[in-house]
C-alpha cells in the first residue's frame, strides 16, 4: 500500500478504538519500551499526544523518563517553515494546545537537534523495513535529518507492522525500532 492508503486505513482503525483501548495499548507500549537498550542516555525527545486523533498516549512514557531523571525534550511546530523547535521540559514549562490540536511548549530552554539521543516518533503505520507513515507534513523527517547520525529513532504504534510502504522516498528517515502493544520491532541491522 502507498502512504495515502495507509493513512486512510489507520485513521479509520484508530476511530474504532475506545479511549480505554487506546489507554490500555499505550500502557503496554510504555512497558515494552523498558526492554530497549536506551536507558543509559540523557536527552529524550517525546511527542505529547493529540487525544482527539487517538494517538499513543505518551503520559506513562513521560513518567518513566522523569522517574529515571532524564532530560525530556518537547517540540513546537512551525507550520510556515515545516520545522520543529525543541525545548527542555522543566517545572516551569507551560504547555499550550495549538490551533491544530497539538500540545506543545510555549518556549523555554532551546535544545539543538544534535543534542538529542533518543526520539520517540509518532506515526500512523510502519513497515518491515522501518519506514513510517505520519500525517504527511514531513516535520519528523526534517527534524530527524538534523539530529546526530547516532540518534535512536523509536516509533510508537497502536497497531502491528505492514509488509511494505510502496512509495518511500530518500527523504523518509527510517526507524531503528518500533514498539507496539505486542512486540518490539528492531530495524537497526537491516
C-alpha atoms as a PDB file:
ATOM      1  CA  UNK A   1       0.000   0.000   0.000  1.00  0.00           C
ATOM      2  CA  UNK A   2       1.086   3.570  -0.522  1.00  0.00           C
ATOM      3  CA  UNK A   3       1.250   6.267   2.155  1.00  0.00           C
ATOM      4  CA  UNK A   4      -2.166   7.776   1.403  1.00  0.00           C
ATOM      5  CA  UNK A   5      -3.867   4.375   1.504  1.00  0.00           C
ATOM      6  CA  UNK A   6      -2.154   3.572   4.802  1.00  0.00           C
ATOM      7  CA  UNK A   7      -3.036   6.987   6.260  1.00  0.00           C
ATOM      8  CA  UNK A   8      -6.698   6.408   5.477  1.00  0.00           C
ATOM      9  CA  UNK A   9      -6.647   2.815   6.752  1.00  0.00           C
ATOM     10  CA  UNK A  10      -5.022   3.662  10.084  1.00  0.00           C
ATOM     11  CA  UNK A  11      -7.041   6.826  10.712  1.00  0.00           C
ATOM     12  CA  UNK A  12     -10.148   4.655  10.288  1.00  0.00           C
ATOM     13  CA  UNK A  13      -8.724   1.906  12.515  1.00  0.00           C
ATOM     14  CA  UNK A  14      -7.918   4.432  15.246  1.00  0.00           C
ATOM     15  CA  UNK A  15     -11.504   5.692  15.114  1.00  0.00           C
ATOM     16  CA  UNK A  16     -12.716   2.203  16.038  1.00  0.00           C
ATOM     17  CA  UNK A  17     -10.707   2.253  19.290  1.00  0.00           C
ATOM     18  CA  UNK A  18     -12.315   3.403  22.517  1.00  0.00           C
ATOM     19  CA  UNK A  19     -10.416   5.781  24.807  1.00  0.00           C
ATOM     20  CA  UNK A  20      -9.975   2.845  27.203  1.00  0.00           C
ATOM     21  CA  UNK A  21      -8.440   0.700  24.453  1.00  0.00           C
ATOM     22  CA  UNK A  22      -6.015   3.475  23.462  1.00  0.00           C
ATOM     23  CA  UNK A  23      -5.029   3.822  27.132  1.00  0.00           C
ATOM     24  CA  UNK A  24      -4.562   0.058  27.555  1.00  0.00           C
ATOM     25  CA  UNK A  25      -2.443  -0.275  24.390  1.00  0.00           C
ATOM     26  CA  UNK A  26      -0.401   2.826  25.304  1.00  0.00           C
ATOM     27  CA  UNK A  27       0.430   1.371  28.721  1.00  0.00           C
ATOM     28  CA  UNK A  28       1.575  -1.881  27.092  1.00  0.00           C
ATOM     29  CA  UNK A  29       3.817   0.146  24.763  1.00  0.00           C
ATOM     30  CA  UNK A  30       5.331   2.025  27.733  1.00  0.00           C
ATOM     31  CA  UNK A  31       6.082  -1.300  29.457  1.00  0.00           C
ATOM     32  CA  UNK A  32       7.622  -2.753  26.268  1.00  0.00           C
ATOM     33  CA  UNK A  33       9.911   0.288  25.996  1.00  0.00           C
ATOM     34  CA  UNK A  34      11.607  -0.694  29.258  1.00  0.00           C
ATOM     35  CA  UNK A  35      13.130  -3.675  27.393  1.00  0.00           C
ATOM     36  CA  UNK A  36      15.044  -1.471  24.940  1.00  0.00           C
ATOM     37  CA  UNK A  37      18.774  -0.770  25.468  1.00  0.00           C
ATOM     38  CA  UNK A  38      18.327   3.022  25.505  1.00  0.00           C
ATOM     39  CA  UNK A  39      18.030   3.965  29.165  1.00  0.00           C
ATOM     40  CA  UNK A  40      21.674   4.949  29.823  1.00  0.00           C
ATOM     41  CA  UNK A  41      21.366   8.060  27.628  1.00  0.00           C
ATOM     42  CA  UNK A  42      20.419  11.607  28.707  1.00  0.00           C
ATOM     43  CA  UNK A  43      18.313  13.543  26.149  1.00  0.00           C
ATOM     44  CA  UNK A  44      14.965  12.050  25.071  1.00  0.00           C
ATOM     45  CA  UNK A  45      12.574  13.767  22.664  1.00  0.00           C
ATOM     46  CA  UNK A  46       8.918  12.829  23.099  1.00  0.00           C
ATOM     47  CA  UNK A  47       5.695  13.998  21.490  1.00  0.00           C
ATOM     48  CA  UNK A  48       2.652  14.958  23.512  1.00  0.00           C
ATOM     49  CA  UNK A  49      -0.379  13.056  22.258  1.00  0.00           C
ATOM     50  CA  UNK A  50      -3.299  14.531  20.376  1.00  0.00           C
ATOM     51  CA  UNK A  51      -6.129  12.799  22.247  1.00  0.00           C
ATOM     52  CA  UNK A  52      -8.735  13.611  19.552  1.00  0.00           C
ATOM     53  CA  UNK A  53      -6.639  11.714  16.973  1.00  0.00           C
ATOM     54  CA  UNK A  54      -6.311   8.727  19.318  1.00  0.00           C
ATOM     55  CA  UNK A  55      -2.520   8.805  19.200  1.00  0.00           C
ATOM     56  CA  UNK A  56      -0.417   6.649  21.505  1.00  0.00           C
ATOM     57  CA  UNK A  57      -0.779   8.272  24.930  1.00  0.00           C
ATOM     58  CA  UNK A  58       2.778   9.164  25.946  1.00  0.00           C
ATOM     59  CA  UNK A  59       1.971  10.165  29.532  1.00  0.00           C
ATOM     60  CA  UNK A  60       3.249   6.878  31.041  1.00  0.00           C
ATOM     61  CA  UNK A  61       6.475   7.164  28.991  1.00  0.00           C
ATOM     62  CA  UNK A  62       6.895  10.729  30.226  1.00  0.00           C
ATOM     63  CA  UNK A  63       6.592   9.484  33.824  1.00  0.00           C
ATOM     64  CA  UNK A  64       9.223   6.780  33.170  1.00  0.00           C
ATOM     65  CA  UNK A  65      11.622   9.387  31.746  1.00  0.00           C
ATOM     66  CA  UNK A  66      11.073  11.758  34.655  1.00  0.00           C
ATOM     67  CA  UNK A  67      11.413   8.882  37.152  1.00  0.00           C
ATOM     68  CA  UNK A  68      14.768   7.978  35.592  1.00  0.00           C
ATOM     69  CA  UNK A  69      15.827  11.642  35.828  1.00  0.00           C
ATOM     70  CA  UNK A  70      16.243  12.062  32.064  1.00  0.00           C
ATOM     71  CA  UNK A  71      16.290  15.329  30.133  1.00  0.00           C
ATOM     72  CA  UNK A  72      12.926  15.398  28.372  1.00  0.00           C
ATOM     73  CA  UNK A  73      12.643  17.445  25.177  1.00  0.00           C
ATOM     74  CA  UNK A  74       9.365  18.615  23.611  1.00  0.00           C
ATOM     75  CA  UNK A  75       8.902  20.324  20.287  1.00  0.00           C
ATOM     76  CA  UNK A  76       6.902  23.222  18.949  1.00  0.00           C
ATOM     77  CA  UNK A  77       5.814  23.096  15.310  1.00  0.00           C
ATOM     78  CA  UNK A  78       6.164  25.980  12.872  1.00  0.00           C
ATOM     79  CA  UNK A  79       3.666  25.254  10.097  1.00  0.00           C
ATOM     80  CA  UNK A  80       5.058  28.049   7.891  1.00  0.00           C
ATOM     81  CA  UNK A  81       8.543  26.518   7.722  1.00  0.00           C
ATOM     82  CA  UNK A  82       7.635  22.880   8.459  1.00  0.00           C
ATOM     83  CA  UNK A  83      10.193  22.806  11.253  1.00  0.00           C
ATOM     84  CA  UNK A  84      10.254  21.807  14.903  1.00  0.00           C
ATOM     85  CA  UNK A  85      11.907  23.867  17.640  1.00  0.00           C
ATOM     86  CA  UNK A  86      12.854  21.771  20.663  1.00  0.00           C
ATOM     87  CA  UNK A  87      12.640  22.790  24.306  1.00  0.00           C
ATOM     88  CA  UNK A  88      13.733  21.169  27.552  1.00  0.00           C
ATOM     89  CA  UNK A  89      10.760  20.206  29.737  1.00  0.00           C
ATOM     90  CA  UNK A  90      11.166  21.822  33.160  1.00  0.00           C
ATOM     91  CA  UNK A  91       8.869  22.503  36.120  1.00  0.00           C
ATOM     92  CA  UNK A  92       8.249  25.949  34.608  1.00  0.00           C
ATOM     93  CA  UNK A  93       7.332  24.773  31.094  1.00  0.00           C
ATOM     94  CA  UNK A  94       3.888  25.937  30.024  1.00  0.00           C
ATOM     95  CA  UNK A  95       2.049  23.636  27.625  1.00  0.00           C
ATOM     96  CA  UNK A  96      -0.496  25.114  25.208  1.00  0.00           C
ATOM     97  CA  UNK A  97      -2.633  23.383  22.599  1.00  0.00           C
ATOM     98  CA  UNK A  98      -2.046  24.981  19.180  1.00  0.00           C
ATOM     99  CA  UNK A  99      -4.694  25.568  16.510  1.00  0.00           C
ATOM    100  CA  UNK A 100      -4.009  22.067  15.102  1.00  0.00           C
ATOM    101  CA  UNK A 101      -4.794  20.474  18.481  1.00  0.00           C
ATOM    102  CA  UNK A 102      -1.137  19.699  19.239  1.00  0.00           C
ATOM    103  CA  UNK A 103       0.001  20.175  22.859  1.00  0.00           C
ATOM    104  CA  UNK A 104       3.363  21.953  22.777  1.00  0.00           C
ATOM    105  CA  UNK A 105       5.658  24.036  24.987  1.00  0.00           C
ATOM    106  CA  UNK A 106       5.234  27.797  24.978  1.00  0.00           C
ATOM    107  CA  UNK A 107       9.018  28.240  24.948  1.00  0.00           C
ATOM    108  CA  UNK A 108      11.933  27.751  27.315  1.00  0.00           C
ATOM    109  CA  UNK A 109      15.453  26.396  27.094  1.00  0.00           C
ATOM    110  CA  UNK A 110      16.086  25.501  23.464  1.00  0.00           C
ATOM    111  CA  UNK A 111      17.786  22.176  22.753  1.00  0.00           C
ATOM    112  CA  UNK A 112      19.582  21.669  19.432  1.00  0.00           C
ATOM    113  CA  UNK A 113      18.626  18.526  17.444  1.00  0.00           C
ATOM    114  CA  UNK A 114      22.242  17.288  17.632  1.00  0.00           C
ATOM    115  CA  UNK A 115      21.964  17.064  21.452  1.00  0.00           C
ATOM    116  CA  UNK A 116      19.030  14.662  21.353  1.00  0.00           C
ATOM    117  CA  UNK A 117      19.946  10.991  21.733  1.00  0.00           C
ATOM    118  CA  UNK A 118      16.560   9.229  21.554  1.00  0.00           C
ATOM    119  CA  UNK A 119      13.440  10.312  19.652  1.00  0.00           C
ATOM    120  CA  UNK A 120      10.043   8.727  20.230  1.00  0.00           C
ATOM    121  CA  UNK A 121       8.399   9.141  16.824  1.00  0.00           C
ATOM    122  CA  UNK A 122       4.654   9.412  16.234  1.00  0.00           C
ATOM    123  CA  UNK A 123       3.221   7.515  13.279  1.00  0.00           C
ATOM    124  CA  UNK A 124       0.104   6.104  11.703  1.00  0.00           C
ATOM    125  CA  UNK A 125       1.731   2.984  10.197  1.00  0.00           C
ATOM    126  CA  UNK A 126       5.140   1.358   9.673  1.00  0.00           C
ATOM    127  CA  UNK A 127       6.567  -1.463   7.598  1.00  0.00           C
ATOM    128  CA  UNK A 128       9.033  -4.332   7.939  1.00  0.00           C
ATOM    129  CA  UNK A 129      11.942  -2.134   6.793  1.00  0.00           C
ATOM    130  CA  UNK A 130      11.364   0.519   9.473  1.00  0.00           C
ATOM    131  CA  UNK A 131       9.739   3.041   7.135  1.00  0.00           C
ATOM    132  CA  UNK A 132       6.858   5.011   8.630  1.00  0.00           C
ATOM    133  CA  UNK A 133       3.800   6.941   7.599  1.00  0.00           C
ATOM    134  CA  UNK A 134       2.930  10.074   9.545  1.00  0.00           C
ATOM    135  CA  UNK A 135       0.374  12.767   8.799  1.00  0.00           C
ATOM    136  CA  UNK A 136       2.237  13.802   5.649  1.00  0.00           C
ATOM    137  CA  UNK A 137       3.696  17.198   6.589  1.00  0.00           C
ATOM    138  CA  UNK A 138       7.301  15.908   6.887  1.00  0.00           C
ATOM    139  CA  UNK A 139       8.015  17.535  10.272  1.00  0.00           C
ATOM    140  CA  UNK A 140       9.736  14.480  11.766  1.00  0.00           C
ATOM    141  CA  UNK A 141      11.728  13.563   8.652  1.00  0.00           C
ATOM    142  CA  UNK A 142      13.141  17.112   8.515  1.00  0.00           C
ATOM    143  CA  UNK A 143      13.792  17.141  12.266  1.00  0.00           C
ATOM    144  CA  UNK A 144      15.477  13.711  12.277  1.00  0.00           C
ATOM    145  CA  UNK A 145      17.710  14.722   9.352  1.00  0.00           C
ATOM    146  CA  UNK A 146      19.198  17.423  11.639  1.00  0.00           C
ATOM    147  CA  UNK A 147      19.799  15.051  14.564  1.00  0.00           C
ATOM    148  CA  UNK A 148      23.064  13.207  15.157  1.00  0.00           C
ATOM    149  CA  UNK A 149      23.676  10.198  12.925  1.00  0.00           C
ATOM    150  CA  UNK A 150      23.622   8.093  16.126  1.00  0.00           C
ATOM    151  CA  UNK A 151      20.193   9.280  17.326  1.00  0.00           C
ATOM    152  CA  UNK A 152      17.945   6.334  18.192  1.00  0.00           C
ATOM    153  CA  UNK A 153      14.556   6.615  16.464  1.00  0.00           C
ATOM    154  CA  UNK A 154      11.741   4.688  18.166  1.00  0.00           C
ATOM    155  CA  UNK A 155       8.313   4.578  16.550  1.00  0.00           C
ATOM    156  CA  UNK A 156       5.263   4.090  18.763  1.00  0.00           C
ATOM    157  CA  UNK A 157       2.334   2.278  17.143  1.00  0.00           C
ATOM    158  CA  UNK A 158      -1.044   1.131  18.419  1.00  0.00           C
ATOM    159  CA  UNK A 159      -1.086  -1.425  15.563  1.00  0.00           C
ATOM    160  CA  UNK A 160       1.235  -4.097  14.182  1.00  0.00           C
ATOM    161  CA  UNK A 161       3.539  -3.904  11.158  1.00  0.00           C
ATOM    162  CA  UNK A 162       2.538  -3.593   7.486  1.00  0.00           C
ATOM    163  CA  UNK A 163       4.501  -5.588   4.927  1.00  0.00           C
ATOM    164  CA  UNK A 164       5.637  -2.627   2.824  1.00  0.00           C
ATOM    165  CA  UNK A 165       5.081   1.067   2.229  1.00  0.00           C
ATOM    166  CA  UNK A 166       5.313   1.266  -1.560  1.00  0.00           C
ATOM    167  CA  UNK A 167       6.208   4.930  -2.028  1.00  0.00           C
ATOM    168  CA  UNK A 168       9.107   5.541   0.385  1.00  0.00           C
ATOM    169  CA  UNK A 169      11.493   8.295  -0.762  1.00  0.00           C
ATOM    170  CA  UNK A 170      15.115   9.150   0.029  1.00  0.00           C
ATOM    171  CA  UNK A 171      13.881  11.901   2.396  1.00  0.00           C
ATOM    172  CA  UNK A 172      11.999   9.402   4.583  1.00  0.00           C
ATOM    173  CA  UNK A 173      14.092   8.682   7.677  1.00  0.00           C
ATOM    174  CA  UNK A 174      13.707   5.039   8.788  1.00  0.00           C
ATOM    175  CA  UNK A 175      13.152   3.967  12.390  1.00  0.00           C
ATOM    176  CA  UNK A 176      15.622   1.970  14.474  1.00  0.00           C
ATOM    177  CA  UNK A 177      12.814   0.369  16.482  1.00  0.00           C
ATOM    178  CA  UNK A 178       9.047   0.387  16.553  1.00  0.00           C
ATOM    179  CA  UNK A 179       7.177  -0.593  19.687  1.00  0.00           C
ATOM    180  CA  UNK A 180       3.614  -1.873  19.602  1.00  0.00           C
ATOM    181  CA  UNK A 181       1.477  -3.245  22.435  1.00  0.00           C
ATOM    182  CA  UNK A 182       2.536  -6.783  21.491  1.00  0.00           C
ATOM    183  CA  UNK A 183       6.062  -6.568  20.095  1.00  0.00           C
ATOM    184  CA  UNK A 184       9.334  -4.666  19.688  1.00  0.00           C
ATOM    185  CA  UNK A 185      10.485  -4.464  16.064  1.00  0.00           C
ATOM    186  CA  UNK A 186      14.243  -3.954  15.605  1.00  0.00           C
ATOM    187  CA  UNK A 187      15.363  -2.408  12.302  1.00  0.00           C
ATOM    188  CA  UNK A 188      18.936  -1.493  13.319  1.00  0.00           C
ATOM    189  CA  UNK A 189      20.554  -4.386  11.437  1.00  0.00           C
ATOM    190  CA  UNK A 190      18.559  -4.131   8.195  1.00  0.00           C
END
